[in-house]
């Protein structure tokens, strides 16, 4: 059994609507990627699948790529798309 890490997930805008929650804490396997986390979340919250291609993901206040691995204590935020004007 691989060691697990504790993370916090924050849901904003459409992600909050899809999950029905603002925040949750989770234990995930060590070295879980953002992509793996999103896949897991889409199983738990099927409505989130429809927005995965438009949201941005940040870890500890920095927008990250899907292949980024999570570390213990990371704060993951699922954000609406950011547009300039």
PDB file of N, CA and C in Angstrom:
ATOM      1  N   UNK A   1       0.849  -1.181   0.000  1.00  0.00           N
ATOM      2  CA  UNK A   1       0.000   0.000   0.000  1.00  0.00           C
ATOM      3  C   UNK A   1       0.890   1.239   0.000  1.00  0.00           C
ATOM      4  N   UNK A   2       0.659   2.145  -0.944  1.00  0.00           N
ATOM      5  CA  UNK A   2       1.500   3.333  -1.030  1.00  0.00           C
ATOM      6  C   UNK A   2       1.079   4.363   0.013  1.00  0.00           C
ATOM      7  N   UNK A   3       2.040   5.174   0.471  1.00  0.00           N
ATOM      8  CA  UNK A   3       1.701   6.193   1.462  1.00  0.00           C
ATOM      9  C   UNK A   3       0.764   7.235   0.859  1.00  0.00           C
ATOM     10  N   UNK A   4      -0.051   7.823   1.705  1.00  0.00           N
ATOM     11  CA  UNK A   4      -0.980   8.839   1.225  1.00  0.00           C
ATOM     12  C   UNK A   4      -0.587  10.207   1.770  1.00  0.00           C
ATOM     13  N   UNK A   5      -1.127  11.231   1.118  1.00  0.00           N
ATOM     14  CA  UNK A   5      -0.890  12.607   1.530  1.00  0.00           C
ATOM     15  C   UNK A   5      -2.231  13.293   1.740  1.00  0.00           C
ATOM     16  N   UNK A   6      -2.224  14.312   2.549  1.00  0.00           N
ATOM     17  CA  UNK A   6      -3.423  15.087   2.849  1.00  0.00           C
ATOM     18  C   UNK A   6      -3.403  16.356   2.004  1.00  0.00           C
ATOM     19  N   UNK A   7      -4.498  16.623   1.283  1.00  0.00           N
ATOM     20  CA  UNK A   7      -4.626  17.849   0.501  1.00  0.00           C
ATOM     21  C   UNK A   7      -5.975  18.491   0.799  1.00  0.00           C
ATOM     22  N   UNK A   8      -6.101  19.756   0.447  1.00  0.00           N
ATOM     23  CA  UNK A   8      -7.362  20.477   0.548  1.00  0.00           C
ATOM     24  C   UNK A   8      -7.763  20.898  -0.855  1.00  0.00           C
ATOM     25  N   UNK A   9      -9.029  20.723  -1.187  1.00  0.00           N
ATOM     26  CA  UNK A   9      -9.536  21.113  -2.501  1.00  0.00           C
ATOM     27  C   UNK A   9     -10.587  22.201  -2.304  1.00  0.00           C
ATOM     28  N   UNK A  10     -10.415  23.300  -3.027  1.00  0.00           N
ATOM     29  CA  UNK A  10     -11.361  24.417  -3.005  1.00  0.00           C
ATOM     30  C   UNK A  10     -12.092  24.452  -4.341  1.00  0.00           C
ATOM     31  N   UNK A  11     -13.406  24.595  -4.288  1.00  0.00           N
ATOM     32  CA  UNK A  11     -14.230  24.613  -5.492  1.00  0.00           C
ATOM     33  C   UNK A  11     -14.831  26.002  -5.664  1.00  0.00           C
ATOM     34  N   UNK A  12     -14.634  26.604  -6.838  1.00  0.00           N
ATOM     35  CA  UNK A  12     -15.158  27.932  -7.123  1.00  0.00           C
ATOM     36  C   UNK A  12     -16.105  27.885  -8.315  1.00  0.00           C
ATOM     37  N   UNK A  13     -17.085  28.783  -8.312  1.00  0.00           N
ATOM     38  CA  UNK A  13     -18.006  29.009  -9.432  1.00  0.00           C
ATOM     39  C   UNK A  13     -18.627  27.700  -9.933  1.00  0.00           C
ATOM     40  N   UNK A  14     -18.412  27.356 -11.206  1.00  0.00           N
ATOM     41  CA  UNK A  14     -19.057  26.174 -11.794  1.00  0.00           C
ATOM     42  C   UNK A  14     -18.614  24.876 -11.126  1.00  0.00           C
ATOM     43  N   UNK A  15     -17.388  24.841 -10.605  1.00  0.00           N
ATOM     44  CA  UNK A  15     -16.931  23.641  -9.890  1.00  0.00           C
ATOM     45  C   UNK A  15     -17.716  23.472  -8.590  1.00  0.00           C
ATOM     46  N   UNK A  16     -18.003  24.569  -7.925  1.00  0.00           N
ATOM     47  CA  UNK A  16     -18.819  24.511  -6.708  1.00  0.00           C
ATOM     48  C   UNK A  16     -20.238  24.065  -7.051  1.00  0.00           C
ATOM     49  N   UNK A  17     -20.765  24.591  -8.145  1.00  0.00           N
ATOM     50  CA  UNK A  17     -22.111  24.178  -8.571  1.00  0.00           C
ATOM     51  C   UNK A  17     -22.156  22.683  -8.895  1.00  0.00           C
ATOM     52  N   UNK A  18     -21.108  22.174  -9.525  1.00  0.00           N
ATOM     53  CA  UNK A  18     -21.069  20.765  -9.937  1.00  0.00           C
ATOM     54  C   UNK A  18     -20.921  19.818  -8.754  1.00  0.00           C
ATOM     55  N   UNK A  19     -20.215  20.256  -7.713  1.00  0.00           N
ATOM     56  CA  UNK A  19     -19.975  19.378  -6.567  1.00  0.00           C
ATOM     57  C   UNK A  19     -20.943  19.615  -5.419  1.00  0.00           C
ATOM     58  N   UNK A  20     -21.465  20.826  -5.338  1.00  0.00           N
ATOM     59  CA  UNK A  20     -22.350  21.173  -4.232  1.00  0.00           C
ATOM     60  C   UNK A  20     -21.607  21.520  -2.951  1.00  0.00           C
ATOM     61  N   UNK A  21     -20.286  21.642  -3.023  1.00  0.00           N
ATOM     62  CA  UNK A  21     -19.499  21.995  -1.838  1.00  0.00           C
ATOM     63  C   UNK A  21     -18.466  23.060  -2.192  1.00  0.00           C
ATOM     64  N   UNK A  22     -17.985  23.752  -1.172  1.00  0.00           N
ATOM     65  CA  UNK A  22     -16.970  24.794  -1.369  1.00  0.00           C
ATOM     66  C   UNK A  22     -15.559  24.276  -1.146  1.00  0.00           C
ATOM     67  N   UNK A  23     -15.420  23.296  -0.253  1.00  0.00           N
ATOM     68  CA  UNK A  23     -14.097  22.834   0.130  1.00  0.00           C
ATOM     69  C   UNK A  23     -14.192  21.430   0.702  1.00  0.00           C
ATOM     70  N   UNK A  24     -13.114  20.675   0.538  1.00  0.00           N
ATOM     71  CA  UNK A  24     -13.019  19.382   1.203  1.00  0.00           C
ATOM     72  C   UNK A  24     -11.554  19.018   1.392  1.00  0.00           C
ATOM     73  N   UNK A  25     -11.310  18.189   2.377  1.00  0.00           N
ATOM     74  CA  UNK A  25      -9.978  17.634   2.610  1.00  0.00           C
ATOM     75  C   UNK A  25      -9.996  16.193   2.144  1.00  0.00           C
ATOM     76  N   UNK A  26      -8.896  15.768   1.538  1.00  0.00           N
ATOM     77  CA  UNK A  26      -8.817  14.405   1.006  1.00  0.00           C
ATOM     78  C   UNK A  26      -7.461  13.804   1.298  1.00  0.00           C
ATOM     79  N   UNK A  27      -7.455  12.484   1.407  1.00  0.00           N
ATOM     80  CA  UNK A  27      -6.217  11.706   1.429  1.00  0.00           C
ATOM     81  C   UNK A  27      -6.091  11.085   0.044  1.00  0.00           C
ATOM     82  N   UNK A  28      -4.970  11.315  -0.603  1.00  0.00           N
ATOM     83  CA  UNK A  28      -4.722  10.745  -1.928  1.00  0.00           C
ATOM     84  C   UNK A  28      -3.362  10.060  -1.905  1.00  0.00           C
ATOM     85  N   UNK A  29      -3.131   9.117  -2.810  1.00  0.00           N
ATOM     86  CA  UNK A  29      -1.816   8.472  -2.848  1.00  0.00           C
ATOM     87  C   UNK A  29      -0.706   9.494  -3.131  1.00  0.00           C
ATOM     88  N   UNK A  30       0.445   9.271  -2.525  1.00  0.00           N
ATOM     89  CA  UNK A  30       1.603  10.129  -2.766  1.00  0.00           C
ATOM     90  C   UNK A  30       1.892  10.163  -4.265  1.00  0.00           C
ATOM     91  N   UNK A  31       2.294  11.312  -4.769  1.00  0.00           N
ATOM     92  CA  UNK A  31       2.621  11.528  -6.184  1.00  0.00           C
ATOM     93  C   UNK A  31       1.413  11.459  -7.114  1.00  0.00           C
ATOM     94  N   UNK A  32       0.217  11.657  -6.587  1.00  0.00           N
ATOM     95  CA  UNK A  32      -0.965  11.778  -7.434  1.00  0.00           C
ATOM     96  C   UNK A  32      -0.820  13.045  -8.270  1.00  0.00           C
ATOM     97  N   UNK A  33      -1.124  12.945  -9.564  1.00  0.00           N
ATOM     98  CA  UNK A  33      -1.064  14.128 -10.429  1.00  0.00           C
ATOM     99  C   UNK A  33      -2.407  14.856 -10.402  1.00  0.00           C
ATOM    100  N   UNK A  34      -2.385  16.090 -10.868  1.00  0.00           N
ATOM    101  CA  UNK A  34      -3.632  16.848 -10.989  1.00  0.00           C
ATOM    102  C   UNK A  34      -4.605  16.092 -11.890  1.00  0.00           C
ATOM    103  N   UNK A  35      -4.115  15.544 -12.989  1.00  0.00           N
ATOM    104  CA  UNK A  35      -4.983  14.788 -13.903  1.00  0.00           C
ATOM    105  C   UNK A  35      -5.636  13.609 -13.183  1.00  0.00           C
ATOM    106  N   UNK A  36      -4.867  12.881 -12.400  1.00  0.00           N
ATOM    107  CA  UNK A  36      -5.421  11.746 -11.653  1.00  0.00           C
ATOM    108  C   UNK A  36      -6.446  12.216 -10.629  1.00  0.00           C
ATOM    109  N   UNK A  37      -6.170  13.331  -9.982  1.00  0.00           N
ATOM    110  CA  UNK A  37      -7.129  13.880  -9.021  1.00  0.00           C
ATOM    111  C   UNK A  37      -8.430  14.245  -9.724  1.00  0.00           C
ATOM    112  N   UNK A  38      -8.341  14.914 -10.866  1.00  0.00           N
ATOM    113  CA  UNK A  38      -9.544  15.307 -11.599  1.00  0.00           C
ATOM    114  C   UNK A  38     -10.336  14.092 -12.072  1.00  0.00           C
ATOM    115  N   UNK A  39      -9.645  13.054 -12.489  1.00  0.00           N
ATOM    116  CA  UNK A  39     -10.322  11.814 -12.887  1.00  0.00           C
ATOM    117  C   UNK A  39     -11.081  11.227 -11.702  1.00  0.00           C
ATOM    118  N   UNK A  40     -10.439  11.199 -10.545  1.00  0.00           N
ATOM    119  CA  UNK A  40     -11.069  10.698  -9.326  1.00  0.00           C
ATOM    120  C   UNK A  40     -12.282  11.552  -8.961  1.00  0.00           C
ATOM    121  N   UNK A  41     -12.130  12.869  -9.030  1.00  0.00           N
ATOM    122  CA  UNK A  41     -13.242  13.760  -8.686  1.00  0.00           C
ATOM    123  C   UNK A  41     -14.413  13.585  -9.645  1.00  0.00           C
ATOM    124  N   UNK A  42     -14.135  13.293 -10.917  1.00  0.00           N
ATOM    125  CA  UNK A  42     -15.227  13.123 -11.878  1.00  0.00           C
ATOM    126  C   UNK A  42     -16.020  11.843 -11.627  1.00  0.00           C
ATOM    127  N   UNK A  43     -15.412  10.890 -10.948  1.00  0.00           N
ATOM    128  CA  UNK A  43     -16.138   9.679 -10.549  1.00  0.00           C
ATOM    129  C   UNK A  43     -17.030   9.989  -9.346  1.00  0.00           C
ATOM    130  N   UNK A  44     -16.490  10.737  -8.399  1.00  0.00           N
ATOM    131  CA  UNK A  44     -17.246  11.093  -7.192  1.00  0.00           C
ATOM    132  C   UNK A  44     -18.350  12.097  -7.511  1.00  0.00           C
ATOM    133  N   UNK A  45     -18.032  13.075  -8.356  1.00  0.00           N
ATOM    134  CA  UNK A  45     -18.967  14.147  -8.731  1.00  0.00           C
ATOM    135  C   UNK A  45     -19.147  14.136 -10.254  1.00  0.00           C
ATOM    136  N   UNK A  46     -20.025  13.287 -10.789  1.00  0.00           N
ATOM    137  CA  UNK A  46     -20.163  13.153 -12.245  1.00  0.00           C
ATOM    138  C   UNK A  46     -20.442  14.468 -12.983  1.00  0.00           C
ATOM    139  N   UNK A  47     -21.110  15.419 -12.342  1.00  0.00           N
ATOM    140  CA  UNK A  47     -21.424  16.689 -13.009  1.00  0.00           C
ATOM    141  C   UNK A  47     -20.170  17.499 -13.328  1.00  0.00           C
ATOM    142  N   UNK A  48     -19.087  17.220 -12.644  1.00  0.00           N
ATOM    143  CA  UNK A  48     -17.860  17.997 -12.857  1.00  0.00           C
ATOM    144  C   UNK A  48     -17.214  17.680 -14.210  1.00  0.00           C
ATOM    145  N   UNK A  49     -17.541  16.521 -14.785  1.00  0.00           N
ATOM    146  CA  UNK A  49     -16.962  16.134 -16.085  1.00  0.00           C
ATOM    147  C   UNK A  49     -17.205  17.195 -17.150  1.00  0.00           C
ATOM    148  N   UNK A  50     -18.364  17.821 -17.122  1.00  0.00           N
ATOM    149  CA  UNK A  50     -18.723  18.778 -18.174  1.00  0.00           C
ATOM    150  C   UNK A  50     -17.912  20.069 -18.118  1.00  0.00           C
ATOM    151  N   UNK A  51     -17.223  20.331 -17.016  1.00  0.00           N
ATOM    152  CA  UNK A  51     -16.457  21.582 -16.917  1.00  0.00           C
ATOM    153  C   UNK A  51     -14.946  21.368 -16.873  1.00  0.00           C
ATOM    154  N   UNK A  52     -14.498  20.126 -16.877  1.00  0.00           N
ATOM    155  CA  UNK A  52     -13.061  19.865 -16.745  1.00  0.00           C
ATOM    156  C   UNK A  52     -12.234  20.493 -17.862  1.00  0.00           C
ATOM    157  N   UNK A  53     -12.821  20.654 -19.040  1.00  0.00           N
ATOM    158  CA  UNK A  53     -12.057  21.232 -20.147  1.00  0.00           C
ATOM    159  C   UNK A  53     -12.027  22.760 -20.126  1.00  0.00           C
ATOM    160  N   UNK A  54     -12.739  23.401 -19.205  1.00  0.00           N
ATOM    161  CA  UNK A  54     -12.737  24.868 -19.167  1.00  0.00           C
ATOM    162  C   UNK A  54     -12.173  25.452 -17.876  1.00  0.00           C
ATOM    163  N   UNK A  55     -12.021  24.637 -16.841  1.00  0.00           N
ATOM    164  CA  UNK A  55     -11.514  25.181 -15.582  1.00  0.00           C
ATOM    165  C   UNK A  55      -9.993  25.256 -15.595  1.00  0.00           C
ATOM    166  N   UNK A  56      -9.474  26.082 -14.697  1.00  0.00           N
ATOM    167  CA  UNK A  56      -8.040  26.112 -14.442  1.00  0.00           C
ATOM    168  C   UNK A  56      -7.818  25.547 -13.052  1.00  0.00           C
ATOM    169  N   UNK A  57      -6.644  24.982 -12.842  1.00  0.00           N
ATOM    170  CA  UNK A  57      -6.314  24.398 -11.547  1.00  0.00           C
ATOM    171  C   UNK A  57      -5.093  25.118 -10.996  1.00  0.00           C
ATOM    172  N   UNK A  58      -5.195  25.530  -9.739  1.00  0.00           N
ATOM    173  CA  UNK A  58      -4.028  26.111  -9.079  1.00  0.00           C
ATOM    174  C   UNK A  58      -3.670  25.258  -7.871  1.00  0.00           C
ATOM    175  N   UNK A  59      -2.386  25.245  -7.576  1.00  0.00           N
ATOM    176  CA  UNK A  59      -1.880  24.579  -6.380  1.00  0.00           C
ATOM    177  C   UNK A  59      -1.087  25.624  -5.610  1.00  0.00           C
ATOM    178  N   UNK A  60      -1.523  25.866  -4.390  1.00  0.00           N
ATOM    179  CA  UNK A  60      -0.864  26.865  -3.544  1.00  0.00           C
ATOM    180  C   UNK A  60      -0.744  28.207  -4.268  1.00  0.00           C
ATOM    181  N   UNK A  61      -1.852  28.630  -4.889  1.00  0.00           N
ATOM    182  CA  UNK A  61      -2.004  29.939  -5.539  1.00  0.00           C
ATOM    183  C   UNK A  61      -1.242  30.094  -6.852  1.00  0.00           C
ATOM    184  N   UNK A  62      -0.775  29.003  -7.455  1.00  0.00           N
ATOM    185  CA  UNK A  62      -0.101  29.068  -8.753  1.00  0.00           C
ATOM    186  C   UNK A  62      -0.820  28.143  -9.724  1.00  0.00           C
ATOM    187  N   UNK A  63      -1.173  28.666 -10.898  1.00  0.00           N
ATOM    188  CA  UNK A  63      -1.801  27.828 -11.922  1.00  0.00           C
ATOM    189  C   UNK A  63      -0.775  26.797 -12.381  1.00  0.00           C
ATOM    190  N   UNK A  64      -1.216  25.537 -12.454  1.00  0.00           N
ATOM    191  CA  UNK A  64      -0.299  24.432 -12.750  1.00  0.00           C
ATOM    192  C   UNK A  64      -0.795  23.611 -13.937  1.00  0.00           C
ATOM    193  N   UNK A  65       0.104  22.790 -14.462  1.00  0.00           N
ATOM    194  CA  UNK A  65      -0.233  21.867 -15.547  1.00  0.00           C
ATOM    195  C   UNK A  65      -0.814  20.583 -14.958  1.00  0.00           C
ATOM    196  N   UNK A  66      -1.510  19.836 -15.797  1.00  0.00           N
ATOM    197  CA  UNK A  66      -2.187  18.624 -15.341  1.00  0.00           C
ATOM    198  C   UNK A  66      -1.232  17.524 -14.898  1.00  0.00           C
ATOM    199  N   UNK A  67       0.017  17.568 -15.349  1.00  0.00           N
ATOM    200  CA  UNK A  67       0.966  16.524 -14.952  1.00  0.00           C
ATOM    201  C   UNK A  67       1.709  16.858 -13.656  1.00  0.00           C
ATOM    202  N   UNK A  68       1.333  17.953 -13.002  1.00  0.00           N
ATOM    203  CA  UNK A  68       1.937  18.336 -11.724  1.00  0.00           C
ATOM    204  C   UNK A  68       1.549  17.333 -10.646  1.00  0.00           C
ATOM    205  N   UNK A  69       2.525  16.860  -9.889  1.00  0.00           N
ATOM    206  CA  UNK A  69       2.254  15.937  -8.787  1.00  0.00           C
ATOM    207  C   UNK A  69       1.977  16.708  -7.509  1.00  0.00           C
ATOM    208  N   UNK A  70       1.034  16.193  -6.743  1.00  0.00           N
ATOM    209  CA  UNK A  70       0.657  16.827  -5.480  1.00  0.00           C
ATOM    210  C   UNK A  70       1.598  16.415  -4.359  1.00  0.00           C
ATOM    211  N   UNK A  71       1.724  17.321  -3.379  1.00  0.00           N
ATOM    212  CA  UNK A  71       2.542  17.058  -2.199  1.00  0.00           C
ATOM    213  C   UNK A  71       1.682  17.239  -0.953  1.00  0.00           C
ATOM    214  N   UNK A  72       2.163  16.703   0.156  1.00  0.00           N
ATOM    215  CA  UNK A  72       1.434  16.794   1.418  1.00  0.00           C
ATOM    216  C   UNK A  72       1.130  18.260   1.739  1.00  0.00           C
ATOM    217  N   UNK A  73      -0.117  18.522   2.089  1.00  0.00           N
ATOM    218  CA  UNK A  73      -0.529  19.851   2.516  1.00  0.00           C
ATOM    219  C   UNK A  73      -0.896  20.803   1.398  1.00  0.00           C
ATOM    220  N   UNK A  74      -0.814  20.364   0.136  1.00  0.00           N
ATOM    221  CA  UNK A  74      -1.148  21.248  -0.979  1.00  0.00           C
ATOM    222  C   UNK A  74      -2.602  21.693  -0.903  1.00  0.00           C
ATOM    223  N   UNK A  75      -2.834  22.931  -1.359  1.00  0.00           N
ATOM    224  CA  UNK A  75      -4.180  23.465  -1.493  1.00  0.00           C
ATOM    225  C   UNK A  75      -4.470  23.584  -2.983  1.00  0.00           C
ATOM    226  N   UNK A  76      -5.417  22.793  -3.442  1.00  0.00           N
ATOM    227  CA  UNK A  76      -5.782  22.736  -4.857  1.00  0.00           C
ATOM    228  C   UNK A  76      -7.069  23.527  -5.039  1.00  0.00           C
ATOM    229  N   UNK A  77      -7.080  24.439  -6.008  1.00  0.00           N
ATOM    230  CA  UNK A  77      -8.283  25.217  -6.292  1.00  0.00           C
ATOM    231  C   UNK A  77      -8.726  24.960  -7.721  1.00  0.00           C
ATOM    232  N   UNK A  78     -10.001  24.663  -7.890  1.00  0.00           N
ATOM    233  CA  UNK A  78     -10.596  24.517  -9.218  1.00  0.00           C
ATOM    234  C   UNK A  78     -11.268  25.846  -9.538  1.00  0.00           C
ATOM    235  N   UNK A  79     -10.714  26.543 -10.527  1.00  0.00           N
ATOM    236  CA  UNK A  79     -11.083  27.924 -10.813  1.00  0.00           C
ATOM    237  C   UNK A  79     -11.820  28.054 -12.136  1.00  0.00           C
ATOM    238  N   UNK A  80     -12.692  29.079 -12.245  1.00  0.00           N
ATOM    239  CA  UNK A  80     -13.306  29.348 -13.540  1.00  0.00           C
ATOM    240  C   UNK A  80     -12.234  29.871 -14.494  1.00  0.00           C
ATOM    241  N   UNK A  81     -12.498  29.807 -15.801  1.00  0.00           N
ATOM    242  CA  UNK A  81     -11.516  30.343 -16.742  1.00  0.00           C
ATOM    243  C   UNK A  81     -11.291  31.830 -16.481  1.00  0.00           C
ATOM    244  N   UNK A  82     -10.051  32.250 -16.629  1.00  0.00           N
ATOM    245  CA  UNK A  82      -9.702  33.650 -16.409  1.00  0.00           C
ATOM    246  C   UNK A  82      -9.507  34.289 -17.771  1.00  0.00           C
ATOM    247  N   UNK A  83     -10.208  35.402 -17.989  1.00  0.00           N
ATOM    248  CA  UNK A  83     -10.072  36.088 -19.275  1.00  0.00           C
ATOM    249  C   UNK A  83      -9.660  37.532 -19.040  1.00  0.00           C
ATOM    250  N   UNK A  84      -8.961  38.059 -19.985  1.00  0.00           N
ATOM    251  CA  UNK A  84      -8.510  39.451 -19.885  1.00  0.00           C
ATOM    252  C   UNK A  84      -9.499  40.379 -20.559  1.00  0.00           C
ATOM    253  N   UNK A  85      -9.232  41.648 -20.433  1.00  0.00           N
ATOM    254  CA  UNK A  85     -10.174  42.561 -21.051  1.00  0.00           C
ATOM    255  C   UNK A  85      -9.577  43.862 -21.426  1.00  0.00           C
TER     256      UNK A  85
END
